[in-house]
């Protein structure tokens, strides 16, 4: 699965740069780091501005075996300035299209973090689940 780690990261990077290339603004730059021994990979995404390279986020990949012996790649998506992370898993099954899965992860990252709803903006008549349980 070690070779899958780098090729999958490359597929994510290609898909992501294709999506981000359509946006206005400074060009995007990436850097990669891979540890085959630990089954980890990192894609750092940034934009070159007048102040230098500004990191916009990360995609972290982890390769591991499940209890049944099958392999899995887990992607952890992070955005600069956001505490939110999103985790997406891809299971090595015969019907998996790795490029489609990579494009899905790229789209999820380029969509940005989900906007957390403000509890003050809850519609009237919708009780807080924690308050109702207490």
Foldseek 3Di string as FASTA:
>chain_A
DLVCLVVLVVLLVVLLQVVCVVDDDAHKDWDKDDDSVQQKIKIWIFGQDPVGTDTFWMWMWHWDADPVRWIKIKIWTTTPPDPDIDIDMDTDDPPDDSSVVSNVVSVVNVVPDDDDDDPVPDDPPDDDPVVVVD
